Amino acid sequence: MNWLTLVALSAAGASGAVETSDVKPASPAAIVAPASAEQAPAAAELDGLVMARASGGFLQLKMEGMQLVLRTYDAEKKPVKVDVDRATVRLQFASRSPEQFTLAPSADGMSLTVGRPVRQPHVFRAYIGLFRGDGAEALESFQGAYP
């Protein structure tokens, strides 16, 4: 097919000259298969930087607006209270100097957050250390690229 034929067909379709009355949309029942009782629910999809923990479960580092948030999840990816007192996060950017943040537990205890915003662009490599008490030695450490 040459380019003139393609142009003519696209112009005809844009003007409504091509007949499409024979095409009928599929019904929603035909598109969505009925769920059986034996199907297990799908695991929650976590976005951001998700890392598996050695003790089981997952960590999720995510930007929410301009705030950096670290959450913990169990093996089924259900949210759980954080089991550490603080976290340090060093962000290595491609286009500027690295920044370091100390994250503290939120009021509800379900996440660790930082009180100051993170400047854009939110594309970085994150180095995370989890701490309990006043100890200087990290209990666990992680690294990964965001997003």
C-alpha atoms as a PDB file:
ATOM      1  CA  MET A   1       0.000   0.000   0.000  1.00  0.00           C
ATOM      2  CA  ASN A   2       1.495   3.333  -0.952  1.00  0.00           C
ATOM      3  CA  TRP A   3       1.359   6.489   1.092  1.00  0.00           C
ATOM      4  CA  LEU A   4      -1.359   8.119  -1.061  1.00  0.00           C
ATOM      5  CA  THR A   5      -3.725   5.267  -0.274  1.00  0.00           C
ATOM      6  CA  LEU A   6      -2.984   5.619   3.443  1.00  0.00           C
ATOM      7  CA  VAL A   7      -3.635   9.362   3.321  1.00  0.00           C
ATOM      8  CA  ALA A   8      -6.906   8.851   1.418  1.00  0.00           C
ATOM      9  CA  LEU A   9      -8.107   6.212   3.877  1.00  0.00           C
ATOM     10  CA  SER A  10      -7.230   8.289   6.921  1.00  0.00           C
ATOM     11  CA  ALA A  11      -8.962  11.345   5.419  1.00  0.00           C
ATOM     12  CA  ALA A  12     -12.052   9.279   4.668  1.00  0.00           C
ATOM     13  CA  GLY A  13     -12.092   7.946   8.234  1.00  0.00           C
ATOM     14  CA  ALA A  14     -11.713  11.462   9.678  1.00  0.00           C
ATOM     15  CA  SER A  15     -14.578  12.795   7.563  1.00  0.00           C
ATOM     16  CA  GLY A  16     -16.902   9.949   8.466  1.00  0.00           C
ATOM     17  CA  ALA A  17     -17.013   8.523   4.928  1.00  0.00           C
ATOM     18  CA  VAL A  18     -15.927   5.074   6.099  1.00  0.00           C
ATOM     19  CA  GLU A  19     -18.903   2.943   7.124  1.00  0.00           C
ATOM     20  CA  THR A  20     -18.454   1.422  10.586  1.00  0.00           C
ATOM     21  CA  SER A  21     -22.022   0.427  11.403  1.00  0.00           C
ATOM     22  CA  ASP A  22     -21.178  -3.293  11.217  1.00  0.00           C
ATOM     23  CA  VAL A  23     -18.827  -3.016  14.209  1.00  0.00           C
ATOM     24  CA  LYS A  24     -20.607  -3.364  17.543  1.00  0.00           C
ATOM     25  CA  PRO A  25     -18.913  -2.886  20.899  1.00  0.00           C
ATOM     26  CA  ALA A  26     -18.500  -5.995  23.011  1.00  0.00           C
ATOM     27  CA  SER A  27     -20.725  -6.272  26.032  1.00  0.00           C
ATOM     28  CA  PRO A  28     -19.051  -5.823  29.427  1.00  0.00           C
ATOM     29  CA  ALA A  29     -19.970  -9.417  30.323  1.00  0.00           C
ATOM     30  CA  ALA A  30     -17.978 -10.666  27.344  1.00  0.00           C
ATOM     31  CA  ILE A  31     -14.910  -8.660  28.333  1.00  0.00           C
ATOM     32  CA  VAL A  32     -14.807  -9.450  32.063  1.00  0.00           C
ATOM     33  CA  ALA A  33     -14.659 -13.126  32.931  1.00  0.00           C
ATOM     34  CA  PRO A  34     -16.816 -14.129  35.875  1.00  0.00           C
ATOM     35  CA  ALA A  35     -14.834 -14.593  39.088  1.00  0.00           C
ATOM     36  CA  SER A  36     -14.845 -18.057  40.524  1.00  0.00           C
ATOM     37  CA  ALA A  37     -14.863 -18.760  44.232  1.00  0.00           C
ATOM     38  CA  GLU A  38     -11.526 -20.570  43.924  1.00  0.00           C
ATOM     39  CA  GLN A  39      -9.587 -17.534  42.654  1.00  0.00           C
ATOM     40  CA  ALA A  40      -7.430 -15.902  45.285  1.00  0.00           C
ATOM     41  CA  PRO A  41      -7.480 -12.100  45.419  1.00  0.00           C
ATOM     42  CA  ALA A  42      -4.539 -10.477  43.677  1.00  0.00           C
ATOM     43  CA  ALA A  43      -1.795  -9.066  45.894  1.00  0.00           C
ATOM     44  CA  ALA A  44      -1.818  -5.317  46.300  1.00  0.00           C
ATOM     45  CA  GLU A  45       0.354  -3.525  43.766  1.00  0.00           C
ATOM     46  CA  LEU A  46       2.827  -1.222  45.459  1.00  0.00           C
ATOM     47  CA  ASP A  47       4.340   1.659  43.531  1.00  0.00           C
ATOM     48  CA  GLY A  48       7.481   3.621  44.197  1.00  0.00           C
ATOM     49  CA  LEU A  49      10.615   1.819  45.349  1.00  0.00           C
ATOM     50  CA  VAL A  50       9.602  -1.553  46.838  1.00  0.00           C
ATOM     51  CA  MET A  51      12.196  -3.744  48.579  1.00  0.00           C
ATOM     52  CA  ALA A  52      11.866  -7.180  50.159  1.00  0.00           C
ATOM     53  CA  ARG A  53      13.004  -7.445  53.783  1.00  0.00           C
ATOM     54  CA  ALA A  54      15.102 -10.334  55.096  1.00  0.00           C
ATOM     55  CA  SER A  55      12.658 -10.826  57.989  1.00  0.00           C
ATOM     56  CA  GLY A  56       9.748 -11.119  55.547  1.00  0.00           C
ATOM     57  CA  GLY A  57       7.533  -8.397  54.236  1.00  0.00           C
ATOM     58  CA  PHE A  58       8.331  -5.325  52.199  1.00  0.00           C
ATOM     59  CA  LEU A  59       9.446  -1.697  52.457  1.00  0.00           C
ATOM     60  CA  GLN A  60       7.993   0.959  50.195  1.00  0.00           C
ATOM     61  CA  LEU A  61       9.732   4.298  49.641  1.00  0.00           C
ATOM     62  CA  LYS A  62       7.466   6.721  47.864  1.00  0.00           C
ATOM     63  CA  MET A  63       7.130  10.422  47.100  1.00  0.00           C
ATOM     64  CA  GLU A  64       3.741  11.772  48.137  1.00  0.00           C
ATOM     65  CA  GLY A  65       3.634  15.266  46.772  1.00  0.00           C
ATOM     66  CA  MET A  66       6.953  16.726  47.946  1.00  0.00           C
ATOM     67  CA  GLN A  67       7.227  14.448  51.013  1.00  0.00           C
ATOM     68  CA  LEU A  68       9.287  11.277  51.294  1.00  0.00           C
ATOM     69  CA  VAL A  69       7.339   8.414  52.952  1.00  0.00           C
ATOM     70  CA  LEU A  70       8.585   4.976  54.004  1.00  0.00           C
ATOM     71  CA  ARG A  71       5.970   2.288  54.744  1.00  0.00           C
ATOM     72  CA  THR A  72       6.202  -1.342  55.853  1.00  0.00           C
ATOM     73  CA  TYR A  73       4.076  -4.230  54.586  1.00  0.00           C
ATOM     74  CA  ASP A  74       3.736  -7.879  55.568  1.00  0.00           C
ATOM     75  CA  ALA A  75       4.285 -10.818  53.202  1.00  0.00           C
ATOM     76  CA  GLU A  76       0.756 -10.411  51.757  1.00  0.00           C
ATOM     77  CA  LYS A  77       1.510  -6.713  51.088  1.00  0.00           C
ATOM     78  CA  LYS A  78      -0.888  -5.478  53.760  1.00  0.00           C
ATOM     79  CA  PRO A  79       0.222  -2.350  55.682  1.00  0.00           C
ATOM     80  CA  VAL A  80       1.710  -2.903  59.146  1.00  0.00           C
ATOM     81  CA  LYS A  81       3.091  -0.557  61.789  1.00  0.00           C
ATOM     82  CA  VAL A  82       6.741   0.311  61.387  1.00  0.00           C
ATOM     83  CA  ASP A  83       9.027  -1.765  63.599  1.00  0.00           C
ATOM     84  CA  VAL A  84      11.947   0.690  63.716  1.00  0.00           C
ATOM     85  CA  ASP A  85      12.441   4.043  65.455  1.00  0.00           C
ATOM     86  CA  ARG A  86      13.958   5.953  62.568  1.00  0.00           C
ATOM     87  CA  ALA A  87      15.440   5.662  59.109  1.00  0.00           C
ATOM     88  CA  THR A  88      18.087   7.594  57.262  1.00  0.00           C
ATOM     89  CA  VAL A  89      17.741   8.077  53.547  1.00  0.00           C
ATOM     90  CA  ARG A  90      20.465   9.451  51.303  1.00  0.00           C
ATOM     91  CA  LEU A  91      19.241  10.491  47.874  1.00  0.00           C
ATOM     92  CA  GLN A  92      21.825  10.528  45.089  1.00  0.00           C
ATOM     93  CA  PHE A  93      20.680  12.693  42.176  1.00  0.00           C
ATOM     94  CA  ALA A  94      22.190  12.667  38.702  1.00  0.00           C
ATOM     95  CA  SER A  95      22.189  16.440  38.334  1.00  0.00           C
ATOM     96  CA  ARG A  96      22.938  17.824  41.815  1.00  0.00           C
ATOM     97  CA  SER A  97      24.538  17.111  45.178  1.00  0.00           C
ATOM     98  CA  PRO A  98      23.135  14.298  47.327  1.00  0.00           C
ATOM     99  CA  GLU A  99      20.714  15.047  50.159  1.00  0.00           C
ATOM    100  CA  GLN A 100      20.274  13.162  53.437  1.00  0.00           C
ATOM    101  CA  PHE A 101      17.064  12.880  55.438  1.00  0.00           C
ATOM    102  CA  THR A 102      16.141  11.368  58.795  1.00  0.00           C
ATOM    103  CA  LEU A 103      12.657   9.902  58.793  1.00  0.00           C
ATOM    104  CA  ALA A 104      10.642   9.674  62.012  1.00  0.00           C
ATOM    105  CA  PRO A 105       7.410   7.779  62.744  1.00  0.00           C
ATOM    106  CA  SER A 106       4.174   9.460  61.723  1.00  0.00           C
ATOM    107  CA  ALA A 107       1.394  10.146  64.234  1.00  0.00           C
ATOM    108  CA  ASP A 108      -0.424   6.889  63.426  1.00  0.00           C
ATOM    109  CA  GLY A 109       2.785   4.807  63.455  1.00  0.00           C
ATOM    110  CA  MET A 110       2.104   3.333  60.006  1.00  0.00           C
ATOM    111  CA  SER A 111       4.926   5.166  58.202  1.00  0.00           C
ATOM    112  CA  LEU A 112       8.153   7.092  58.574  1.00  0.00           C
ATOM    113  CA  THR A 113       8.190  10.617  57.146  1.00  0.00           C
ATOM    114  CA  VAL A 114      10.443  13.643  56.967  1.00  0.00           C
ATOM    115  CA  GLY A 115       9.422  17.155  57.933  1.00  0.00           C
ATOM    116  CA  ARG A 116      10.967  18.963  54.970  1.00  0.00           C
ATOM    117  CA  PRO A 117      10.149  18.686  51.262  1.00  0.00           C
ATOM    118  CA  VAL A 118      12.350  17.017  48.668  1.00  0.00           C
ATOM    119  CA  ARG A 119      13.145  19.254  45.713  1.00  0.00           C
ATOM    120  CA  GLN A 120      12.296  18.031  42.240  1.00  0.00           C
ATOM    121  CA  PRO A 121      13.114  16.174  40.037  1.00  0.00           C
ATOM    122  CA  HIS A 122      12.139  13.074  41.975  1.00  0.00           C
ATOM    123  CA  VAL A 123      14.498  10.773  40.105  1.00  0.00           C
ATOM    124  CA  PHE A 124      17.256   9.453  42.334  1.00  0.00           C
ATOM    125  CA  ARG A 125      19.070   6.485  43.801  1.00  0.00           C
ATOM    126  CA  ALA A 126      18.089   5.923  47.453  1.00  0.00           C
ATOM    127  CA  TYR A 127      20.305   4.463  50.191  1.00  0.00           C
ATOM    128  CA  ILE A 128      18.201   3.544  53.240  1.00  0.00           C
ATOM    129  CA  GLY A 129      19.265   2.542  56.752  1.00  0.00           C
ATOM    130  CA  LEU A 130      16.800   1.380  59.429  1.00  0.00           C
ATOM    131  CA  PHE A 131      17.621   2.011  63.106  1.00  0.00           C
ATOM    132  CA  ARG A 132      16.196   1.141  66.525  1.00  0.00           C
ATOM    133  CA  GLY A 133      16.918   3.265  69.603  1.00  0.00           C
ATOM    134  CA  ASP A 134      19.996   5.462  69.637  1.00  0.00           C
ATOM    135  CA  GLY A 135      22.212   2.865  67.969  1.00  0.00           C
ATOM    136  CA  ALA A 136      24.583   3.996  65.263  1.00  0.00           C
ATOM    137  CA  GLU A 137      24.590   0.608  63.516  1.00  0.00           C
ATOM    138  CA  ALA A 138      21.837   0.054  60.949  1.00  0.00           C
ATOM    139  CA  LEU A 139      19.633  -3.005  61.519  1.00  0.00           C
ATOM    140  CA  GLU A 140      18.859  -3.271  57.817  1.00  0.00           C
ATOM    141  CA  SER A 141      20.043  -1.373  54.775  1.00  0.00           C
ATOM    142  CA  PHE A 142      18.585  -1.097  51.283  1.00  0.00           C
ATOM    143  CA  GLN A 143      19.283   0.688  48.037  1.00  0.00           C
ATOM    144  CA  GLY A 144      17.442   1.161  44.795  1.00  0.00           C
ATOM    145  CA  ALA A 145      16.477   3.543  42.003  1.00  0.00           C
ATOM    146  CA  TYR A 146      13.342   5.696  42.213  1.00  0.00           C
ATOM    147  CA  PRO A 147      11.015   5.596  40.322  1.00  0.00           C
END
